[in-house]
Amino acid sequence: MNVRSLEQELKTNAYPGRGIVIGETGDGRYAVTAYFIMGRSANSRNRVFVTEGEGIRTQAFDPEKLEDPSLIIYAPVRVLGNKTIVTNGDQTDTIYEGMDHQLTFEQSLRSREFEPDAPNYTPRISGILHTENGRYSYAMSILKSNQGDPSSCLRFTYAYQNPAAGMGHFIHTYMHDGSPLPSFEGEPKAVAIEGTIDEFTSMVWNSLNEDNKVSLFVRYIDIATGETETRIVNKNQ
């Protein structure tokens, strides 16, 4: 398997849209996740991440400039016991509520599809990290239109049991910039996970396109104890 450089993946793509990275540090101590948002419109760029309970929520940086909140204001990260849910939309709540009622990650998403933002039909990307008794596993999902056909939803789930140390997977909404924006294709990309939380956060943030990046969330979870450390970076200050 070709393990890619996350730094190069980000630096060579001006507009991957929204992205989720999940993996494990090289020493096997920490479960890692990162979620970033980017924006081309003023409405999309008018956002920040704020903490909410054990997770985060998007919020308008300037409430007076907020136009349509429907697809840009949501909770990207929520925690249910020893499970951390990370998504690019309000399907975070769908997964949380489904799993709270004994549905699986995949089952919880069966009621959802891609976003209704024609002509892009932005994919819904989701991830879940599960740590328990010193063990760690994660899964990722993408719901997307069939080549831009809104009558057909394609559903893919990828599960990673006993993941390799120093490695993770990266999935994002768009292949690159365009009009309409082309949906992500293929499996989540295998990427190297390197450095402390501050080094990793700095690398991801500095690798995102300066004009389009908006906010970044990074969390390291101690697999043995469940203790967490979080970083949030917002372009709007």
C-alpha atoms as a PDB file:
ATOM      1  CA  MET A   1       0.000   0.000   0.000  1.00  0.00           C
ATOM      2  CA  ASN A   2       1.247   3.447  -0.896  1.00  0.00           C
ATOM      3  CA  VAL A   3       1.321   5.567   2.293  1.00  0.00           C
ATOM      4  CA  ARG A   4       1.215   9.176   1.192  1.00  0.00           C
ATOM      5  CA  SER A   5       2.433  12.392   2.753  1.00  0.00           C
ATOM      6  CA  LEU A   6      -0.564  14.250   4.187  1.00  0.00           C
ATOM      7  CA  GLU A   7       1.393  17.467   3.864  1.00  0.00           C
ATOM      8  CA  GLN A   8       1.858  16.955   0.130  1.00  0.00           C
ATOM      9  CA  GLU A   9      -1.746  15.852  -0.360  1.00  0.00           C
ATOM     10  CA  LEU A  10      -2.898  19.163   1.121  1.00  0.00           C
ATOM     11  CA  LYS A  11      -0.294  21.420  -0.444  1.00  0.00           C
ATOM     12  CA  THR A  12      -1.010  20.140  -3.952  1.00  0.00           C
ATOM     13  CA  ASN A  13      -4.799  20.556  -3.748  1.00  0.00           C
ATOM     14  CA  ALA A  14      -6.117  24.110  -3.504  1.00  0.00           C
ATOM     15  CA  TYR A  15      -9.653  22.978  -2.724  1.00  0.00           C
ATOM     16  CA  PRO A  16     -10.279  19.530  -1.188  1.00  0.00           C
ATOM     17  CA  GLY A  17     -13.304  21.124   0.530  1.00  0.00           C
ATOM     18  CA  ARG A  18     -13.880  19.546   3.925  1.00  0.00           C
ATOM     19  CA  GLY A  19     -11.623  16.752   5.121  1.00  0.00           C
ATOM     20  CA  ILE A  20     -11.355  14.102   7.813  1.00  0.00           C
ATOM     21  CA  VAL A  21      -8.121  12.391   8.886  1.00  0.00           C
ATOM     22  CA  ILE A  22      -8.152   9.457  11.329  1.00  0.00           C
ATOM     23  CA  GLY A  23      -5.186   7.349  12.389  1.00  0.00           C
ATOM     24  CA  GLU A  24      -2.657   6.500  15.082  1.00  0.00           C
ATOM     25  CA  THR A  25       0.642   7.997  16.202  1.00  0.00           C
ATOM     26  CA  GLY A  26       3.867   6.181  15.467  1.00  0.00           C
ATOM     27  CA  ASP A  27       4.348   5.116  19.076  1.00  0.00           C
ATOM     28  CA  GLY A  28       0.878   3.562  19.148  1.00  0.00           C
ATOM     29  CA  ARG A  29      -0.141   5.705  22.092  1.00  0.00           C
ATOM     30  CA  TYR A  30      -2.672   8.088  20.566  1.00  0.00           C
ATOM     31  CA  ALA A  31      -5.706   7.791  18.347  1.00  0.00           C
ATOM     32  CA  VAL A  32      -5.684  10.851  16.079  1.00  0.00           C
ATOM     33  CA  THR A  33      -8.380  12.723  14.229  1.00  0.00           C
ATOM     34  CA  ALA A  34      -8.444  16.000  12.340  1.00  0.00           C
ATOM     35  CA  TYR A  35     -11.291  17.816  10.623  1.00  0.00           C
ATOM     36  CA  PHE A  36     -10.924  20.924   8.486  1.00  0.00           C
ATOM     37  CA  ILE A  37     -13.293  23.153   6.563  1.00  0.00           C
ATOM     38  CA  MET A  38     -12.578  25.380   3.593  1.00  0.00           C
ATOM     39  CA  GLY A  39     -14.726  27.894   1.753  1.00  0.00           C
ATOM     40  CA  ARG A  40     -15.000  29.747  -1.543  1.00  0.00           C
ATOM     41  CA  SER A  41     -18.072  31.885  -0.781  1.00  0.00           C
ATOM     42  CA  ALA A  42     -18.294  34.660   1.805  1.00  0.00           C
ATOM     43  CA  ASN A  43     -20.953  32.656   3.642  1.00  0.00           C
ATOM     44  CA  SER A  44     -18.719  29.574   3.918  1.00  0.00           C
ATOM     45  CA  ARG A  45     -15.720  31.611   4.993  1.00  0.00           C
ATOM     46  CA  ASN A  46     -17.686  33.406   7.707  1.00  0.00           C
ATOM     47  CA  ARG A  47     -17.222  30.585  10.208  1.00  0.00           C
ATOM     48  CA  VAL A  48     -15.239  29.477  13.237  1.00  0.00           C
ATOM     49  CA  PHE A  49     -15.047  26.303  15.317  1.00  0.00           C
ATOM     50  CA  VAL A  50     -16.098  26.636  18.967  1.00  0.00           C
ATOM     51  CA  THR A  51     -16.129  24.013  21.687  1.00  0.00           C
ATOM     52  CA  GLU A  52     -19.451  22.478  22.700  1.00  0.00           C
ATOM     53  CA  GLY A  53     -19.333  19.889  25.463  1.00  0.00           C
ATOM     54  CA  GLU A  54     -16.771  17.263  24.494  1.00  0.00           C
ATOM     55  CA  GLY A  55     -17.101  18.196  20.822  1.00  0.00           C
ATOM     56  CA  ILE A  56     -17.230  21.299  18.639  1.00  0.00           C
ATOM     57  CA  ARG A  57     -19.734  23.321  16.645  1.00  0.00           C
ATOM     58  CA  THR A  58     -19.428  25.676  13.695  1.00  0.00           C
ATOM     59  CA  GLN A  59     -20.529  29.229  14.367  1.00  0.00           C
ATOM     60  CA  ALA A  60     -20.829  32.385  12.285  1.00  0.00           C
ATOM     61  CA  PHE A  61     -17.838  34.645  12.886  1.00  0.00           C
ATOM     62  CA  ASP A  62     -19.959  37.693  12.046  1.00  0.00           C
ATOM     63  CA  PRO A  63     -23.631  36.818  12.697  1.00  0.00           C
ATOM     64  CA  GLU A  64     -24.807  39.830  10.676  1.00  0.00           C
ATOM     65  CA  LYS A  65     -23.170  38.402   7.546  1.00  0.00           C
ATOM     66  CA  LEU A  66     -24.667  34.926   7.926  1.00  0.00           C
ATOM     67  CA  GLU A  67     -26.782  34.081   4.872  1.00  0.00           C
ATOM     68  CA  ASP A  68     -27.967  30.458   4.683  1.00  0.00           C
ATOM     69  CA  PRO A  69     -27.051  28.466   7.823  1.00  0.00           C
ATOM     70  CA  SER A  70     -28.584  25.158   6.666  1.00  0.00           C
ATOM     71  CA  LEU A  71     -25.427  23.410   5.439  1.00  0.00           C
ATOM     72  CA  ILE A  72     -22.704  25.348   7.241  1.00  0.00           C
ATOM     73  CA  ILE A  73     -23.833  25.471  10.888  1.00  0.00           C
ATOM     74  CA  TYR A  74     -23.629  22.071  12.575  1.00  0.00           C
ATOM     75  CA  ALA A  75     -21.720  20.020  15.165  1.00  0.00           C
ATOM     76  CA  PRO A  76     -18.801  18.327  13.358  1.00  0.00           C
ATOM     77  CA  VAL A  77     -17.631  16.459  16.470  1.00  0.00           C
ATOM     78  CA  ARG A  78     -19.624  14.726  19.210  1.00  0.00           C
ATOM     79  CA  VAL A  79     -18.597  12.132  21.794  1.00  0.00           C
ATOM     80  CA  LEU A  80     -20.752   9.154  22.800  1.00  0.00           C
ATOM     81  CA  GLY A  81     -19.044   7.273  25.625  1.00  0.00           C
ATOM     82  CA  ASN A  82     -15.785   5.927  24.205  1.00  0.00           C
ATOM     83  CA  LYS A  83     -16.758   6.799  20.630  1.00  0.00           C
ATOM     84  CA  THR A  84     -15.787  10.034  18.893  1.00  0.00           C
ATOM     85  CA  ILE A  85     -17.903  10.982  15.866  1.00  0.00           C
ATOM     86  CA  VAL A  86     -16.498  13.352  13.215  1.00  0.00           C
ATOM     87  CA  THR A  87     -18.470  14.469  10.147  1.00  0.00           C
ATOM     88  CA  ASN A  88     -18.929  17.320   7.687  1.00  0.00           C
ATOM     89  CA  GLY A  89     -22.603  17.991   8.473  1.00  0.00           C
ATOM     90  CA  ASP A  90     -25.561  17.448  10.726  1.00  0.00           C
ATOM     91  CA  GLN A  91     -25.274  13.705  10.159  1.00  0.00           C
ATOM     92  CA  THR A  92     -23.090  13.863  13.295  1.00  0.00           C
ATOM     93  CA  ASP A  93     -26.380  14.032  15.205  1.00  0.00           C
ATOM     94  CA  THR A  94     -27.871  11.207  13.097  1.00  0.00           C
ATOM     95  CA  ILE A  95     -24.956   8.914  13.961  1.00  0.00           C
ATOM     96  CA  TYR A  96     -24.992   9.934  17.628  1.00  0.00           C
ATOM     97  CA  GLU A  97     -28.710   9.274  18.004  1.00  0.00           C
ATOM     98  CA  GLY A  98     -28.593   6.033  16.000  1.00  0.00           C
ATOM     99  CA  MET A  99     -25.704   4.560  17.953  1.00  0.00           C
ATOM    100  CA  ASP A 100     -27.307   5.682  21.198  1.00  0.00           C
ATOM    101  CA  HIS A 101     -30.206   3.423  20.159  1.00  0.00           C
ATOM    102  CA  GLN A 102     -27.941   0.444  19.384  1.00  0.00           C
ATOM    103  CA  LEU A 103     -27.640   0.973  15.629  1.00  0.00           C
ATOM    104  CA  THR A 104     -24.241   0.587  14.002  1.00  0.00           C
ATOM    105  CA  PHE A 105     -22.328   3.446  12.402  1.00  0.00           C
ATOM    106  CA  GLU A 106     -23.354   2.221   8.950  1.00  0.00           C
ATOM    107  CA  GLN A 107     -26.994   1.602   9.893  1.00  0.00           C
ATOM    108  CA  SER A 108     -27.286   5.080  11.397  1.00  0.00           C
ATOM    109  CA  LEU A 109     -26.339   6.665   8.071  1.00  0.00           C
ATOM    110  CA  ARG A 110     -28.876   4.769   5.962  1.00  0.00           C
ATOM    111  CA  SER A 111     -31.416   7.549   6.459  1.00  0.00           C
ATOM    112  CA  ARG A 112     -29.050  10.159   5.002  1.00  0.00           C
ATOM    113  CA  GLU A 113     -27.746  11.064   1.549  1.00  0.00           C
ATOM    114  CA  PHE A 114     -25.372  13.623   0.025  1.00  0.00           C
ATOM    115  CA  GLU A 115     -26.104  17.308   0.568  1.00  0.00           C
ATOM    116  CA  PRO A 116     -28.910  18.906  -1.507  1.00  0.00           C
ATOM    117  CA  ASP A 117     -26.653  21.633  -2.899  1.00  0.00           C
ATOM    118  CA  ALA A 118     -27.070  21.176  -6.663  1.00  0.00           C
ATOM    119  CA  PRO A 119     -25.089  21.014  -8.872  1.00  0.00           C
ATOM    120  CA  ASN A 120     -22.292  19.944  -6.477  1.00  0.00           C
ATOM    121  CA  TYR A 121     -24.252  17.429  -4.382  1.00  0.00           C
ATOM    122  CA  THR A 122     -21.497  17.599  -1.788  1.00  0.00           C
ATOM    123  CA  PRO A 123     -20.718  14.172  -0.301  1.00  0.00           C
ATOM    124  CA  ARG A 124     -21.392  13.553   3.361  1.00  0.00           C
ATOM    125  CA  ILE A 125     -18.173  12.226   4.874  1.00  0.00           C
ATOM    126  CA  SER A 126     -18.135  10.728   8.355  1.00  0.00           C
ATOM    127  CA  GLY A 127     -15.756   8.987  10.722  1.00  0.00           C
ATOM    128  CA  ILE A 128     -15.897   7.273  14.096  1.00  0.00           C
ATOM    129  CA  LEU A 129     -13.088   6.412  16.525  1.00  0.00           C
ATOM    130  CA  HIS A 130     -13.625   3.702  19.147  1.00  0.00           C
ATOM    131  CA  THR A 131     -11.207   3.200  22.036  1.00  0.00           C
ATOM    132  CA  GLU A 132     -11.831   0.571  24.714  1.00  0.00           C
ATOM    133  CA  ASN A 133      -9.582  -1.346  27.128  1.00  0.00           C
ATOM    134  CA  GLY A 134      -6.440  -0.216  25.354  1.00  0.00           C
ATOM    135  CA  ARG A 135      -7.754  -1.215  21.937  1.00  0.00           C
ATOM    136  CA  TYR A 136      -8.543   1.102  19.046  1.00  0.00           C
ATOM    137  CA  SER A 137     -10.481   0.879  15.797  1.00  0.00           C
ATOM    138  CA  TYR A 138     -12.057   3.360  13.432  1.00  0.00           C
ATOM    139  CA  ALA A 139     -14.340   3.574  10.426  1.00  0.00           C
ATOM    140  CA  MET A 140     -15.046   6.092   7.677  1.00  0.00           C
ATOM    141  CA  SER A 141     -18.037   6.622   5.384  1.00  0.00           C
ATOM    142  CA  ILE A 142     -18.922   8.605   2.296  1.00  0.00           C
ATOM    143  CA  LEU A 143     -22.395   9.128   0.836  1.00  0.00           C
ATOM    144  CA  LYS A 144     -22.245  10.664  -2.631  1.00  0.00           C
ATOM    145  CA  SER A 145     -24.244  11.083  -5.801  1.00  0.00           C
ATOM    146  CA  ASN A 146     -23.701   8.727  -8.709  1.00  0.00           C
ATOM    147  CA  GLN A 147     -21.653  10.895 -11.066  1.00  0.00           C
ATOM    148  CA  GLY A 148     -23.762  13.937 -10.198  1.00  0.00           C
ATOM    149  CA  ASP A 149     -27.089  12.118 -10.587  1.00  0.00           C
ATOM    150  CA  PRO A 150     -29.220  13.142  -7.570  1.00  0.00           C
ATOM    151  CA  SER A 151     -31.576  10.186  -8.035  1.00  0.00           C
ATOM    152  CA  SER A 152     -28.830   7.726  -7.071  1.00  0.00           C
ATOM    153  CA  CYS A 153     -26.878   7.692  -3.797  1.00  0.00           C
ATOM    154  CA  LEU A 154     -23.685   5.639  -3.483  1.00  0.00           C
ATOM    155  CA  ARG A 155     -22.793   4.482   0.048  1.00  0.00           C
ATOM    156  CA  PHE A 156     -19.336   3.323   1.081  1.00  0.00           C
ATOM    157  CA  THR A 157     -18.079   2.357   4.542  1.00  0.00           C
ATOM    158  CA  TYR A 158     -14.465   1.516   5.383  1.00  0.00           C
ATOM    159  CA  ALA A 159     -13.557  -0.156   8.690  1.00  0.00           C
ATOM    160  CA  TYR A 160     -10.042  -0.246  10.154  1.00  0.00           C
ATOM    161  CA  GLN A 161      -9.513  -2.785  12.936  1.00  0.00           C
ATOM    162  CA  ASN A 162      -6.258  -2.823  14.911  1.00  0.00           C
ATOM    163  CA  PRO A 163      -4.851   0.045  12.775  1.00  0.00           C
ATOM    164  CA  ALA A 164      -1.149   0.360  12.071  1.00  0.00           C
ATOM    165  CA  ALA A 165       0.879   2.773  14.182  1.00  0.00           C
ATOM    166  CA  GLY A 166       2.097   5.860  12.343  1.00  0.00           C
ATOM    167  CA  MET A 167      -0.580   5.592   9.693  1.00  0.00           C
ATOM    168  CA  GLY A 168      -4.053   6.950   9.066  1.00  0.00           C
ATOM    169  CA  HIS A 169      -6.622   7.596   6.350  1.00  0.00           C
ATOM    170  CA  PHE A 170      -7.738  10.812   4.727  1.00  0.00           C
ATOM    171  CA  ILE A 171     -11.061  11.448   3.006  1.00  0.00           C
ATOM    172  CA  HIS A 172     -12.340  14.759   1.658  1.00  0.00           C
ATOM    173  CA  THR A 173     -15.416  16.031  -0.117  1.00  0.00           C
ATOM    174  CA  TYR A 174     -13.977  17.175  -3.463  1.00  0.00           C
ATOM    175  CA  MET A 175     -11.251  15.836  -5.717  1.00  0.00           C
ATOM    176  CA  HIS A 176     -10.191  19.419  -6.465  1.00  0.00           C
ATOM    177  CA  ASP A 177     -11.624  22.806  -7.355  1.00  0.00           C
ATOM    178  CA  GLY A 178     -14.056  22.996 -10.253  1.00  0.00           C
ATOM    179  CA  SER A 179     -17.556  23.903 -11.384  1.00  0.00           C
ATOM    180  CA  PRO A 180     -19.406  21.836 -10.427  1.00  0.00           C
ATOM    181  CA  LEU A 181     -17.102  20.544  -7.732  1.00  0.00           C
ATOM    182  CA  PRO A 182     -16.106  16.917  -8.451  1.00  0.00           C
ATOM    183  CA  SER A 183     -16.890  14.491  -5.607  1.00  0.00           C
ATOM    184  CA  PHE A 184     -14.141  12.492  -3.908  1.00  0.00           C
ATOM    185  CA  GLU A 185     -13.362   9.194  -5.646  1.00  0.00           C
ATOM    186  CA  GLY A 186     -11.836   5.946  -4.429  1.00  0.00           C
ATOM    187  CA  GLU A 187     -10.939   4.658  -0.979  1.00  0.00           C
ATOM    188  CA  PRO A 188      -9.741   6.966   1.820  1.00  0.00           C
ATOM    189  CA  LYS A 189      -6.073   7.718   1.197  1.00  0.00           C
ATOM    190  CA  ALA A 190      -3.474   6.047   3.423  1.00  0.00           C
ATOM    191  CA  VAL A 191      -1.336   8.803   4.962  1.00  0.00           C
ATOM    192  CA  ALA A 192       1.491   8.998   7.480  1.00  0.00           C
ATOM    193  CA  ILE A 193       0.649  10.318  10.963  1.00  0.00           C
ATOM    194  CA  GLU A 194       3.643  12.064  12.463  1.00  0.00           C
ATOM    195  CA  GLY A 195       4.566  14.319  15.352  1.00  0.00           C
ATOM    196  CA  THR A 196       3.090  15.682  18.535  1.00  0.00           C
ATOM    197  CA  ILE A 197      -0.371  17.227  18.489  1.00  0.00           C
ATOM    198  CA  ASP A 198       1.141  20.690  18.062  1.00  0.00           C
ATOM    199  CA  GLU A 199       3.444  19.582  15.262  1.00  0.00           C
ATOM    200  CA  PHE A 200       0.637  17.741  13.491  1.00  0.00           C
ATOM    201  CA  THR A 201      -1.779  20.669  13.873  1.00  0.00           C
ATOM    202  CA  SER A 202       0.794  23.125  12.546  1.00  0.00           C
ATOM    203  CA  MET A 203       1.600  20.904   9.576  1.00  0.00           C
ATOM    204  CA  VAL A 204      -2.036  20.476   8.549  1.00  0.00           C
ATOM    205  CA  TRP A 205      -2.955  24.134   8.989  1.00  0.00           C
ATOM    206  CA  ASN A 206       0.099  25.442   7.156  1.00  0.00           C
ATOM    207  CA  SER A 207      -0.456  22.985   4.290  1.00  0.00           C
ATOM    208  CA  LEU A 208      -4.036  24.091   3.580  1.00  0.00           C
ATOM    209  CA  ASN A 209      -4.552  26.697   0.867  1.00  0.00           C
ATOM    210  CA  GLU A 210      -4.200  30.119   2.454  1.00  0.00           C
ATOM    211  CA  ASP A 211      -7.119  31.696   0.600  1.00  0.00           C
ATOM    212  CA  ASN A 212      -9.601  28.878   1.133  1.00  0.00           C
ATOM    213  CA  LYS A 213      -8.879  27.466   4.593  1.00  0.00           C
ATOM    214  CA  VAL A 214     -11.324  28.405   7.358  1.00  0.00           C
ATOM    215  CA  SER A 215     -10.966  26.226  10.476  1.00  0.00           C
ATOM    216  CA  LEU A 216      -9.172  23.135  11.791  1.00  0.00           C
ATOM    217  CA  PHE A 217      -9.869  20.735  14.670  1.00  0.00           C
ATOM    218  CA  VAL A 218      -7.311  18.176  15.880  1.00  0.00           C
ATOM    219  CA  ARG A 219      -7.702  15.691  18.741  1.00  0.00           C
ATOM    220  CA  TYR A 220      -5.275  13.162  20.201  1.00  0.00           C
ATOM    221  CA  ILE A 221      -6.896  10.454  22.381  1.00  0.00           C
ATOM    222  CA  ASP A 222      -4.747   8.386  24.741  1.00  0.00           C
ATOM    223  CA  ILE A 223      -5.748   4.843  23.765  1.00  0.00           C
ATOM    224  CA  ALA A 224      -4.940   3.439  27.203  1.00  0.00           C
ATOM    225  CA  THR A 225      -6.668   6.066  29.354  1.00  0.00           C
ATOM    226  CA  GLY A 226      -9.139   7.796  27.029  1.00  0.00           C
ATOM    227  CA  GLU A 227      -7.764  11.201  27.983  1.00  0.00           C
ATOM    228  CA  THR A 228      -7.955  13.751  25.183  1.00  0.00           C
ATOM    229  CA  GLU A 229      -6.005  16.758  24.001  1.00  0.00           C
ATOM    230  CA  THR A 230      -7.528  19.131  21.457  1.00  0.00           C
ATOM    231  CA  ARG A 231      -6.413  21.985  19.241  1.00  0.00           C
ATOM    232  CA  ILE A 232      -8.672  24.390  17.310  1.00  0.00           C
ATOM    233  CA  VAL A 233      -7.355  26.862  14.731  1.00  0.00           C
ATOM    234  CA  ASN A 234      -9.599  29.502  13.146  1.00  0.00           C
ATOM    235  CA  LYS A 235      -8.588  31.856  10.348  1.00  0.00           C
ATOM    236  CA  ASN A 236     -11.132  34.383  11.620  1.00  0.00           C
ATOM    237  CA  GLN A 237      -9.901  35.799  14.906  1.00  0.00           C
END
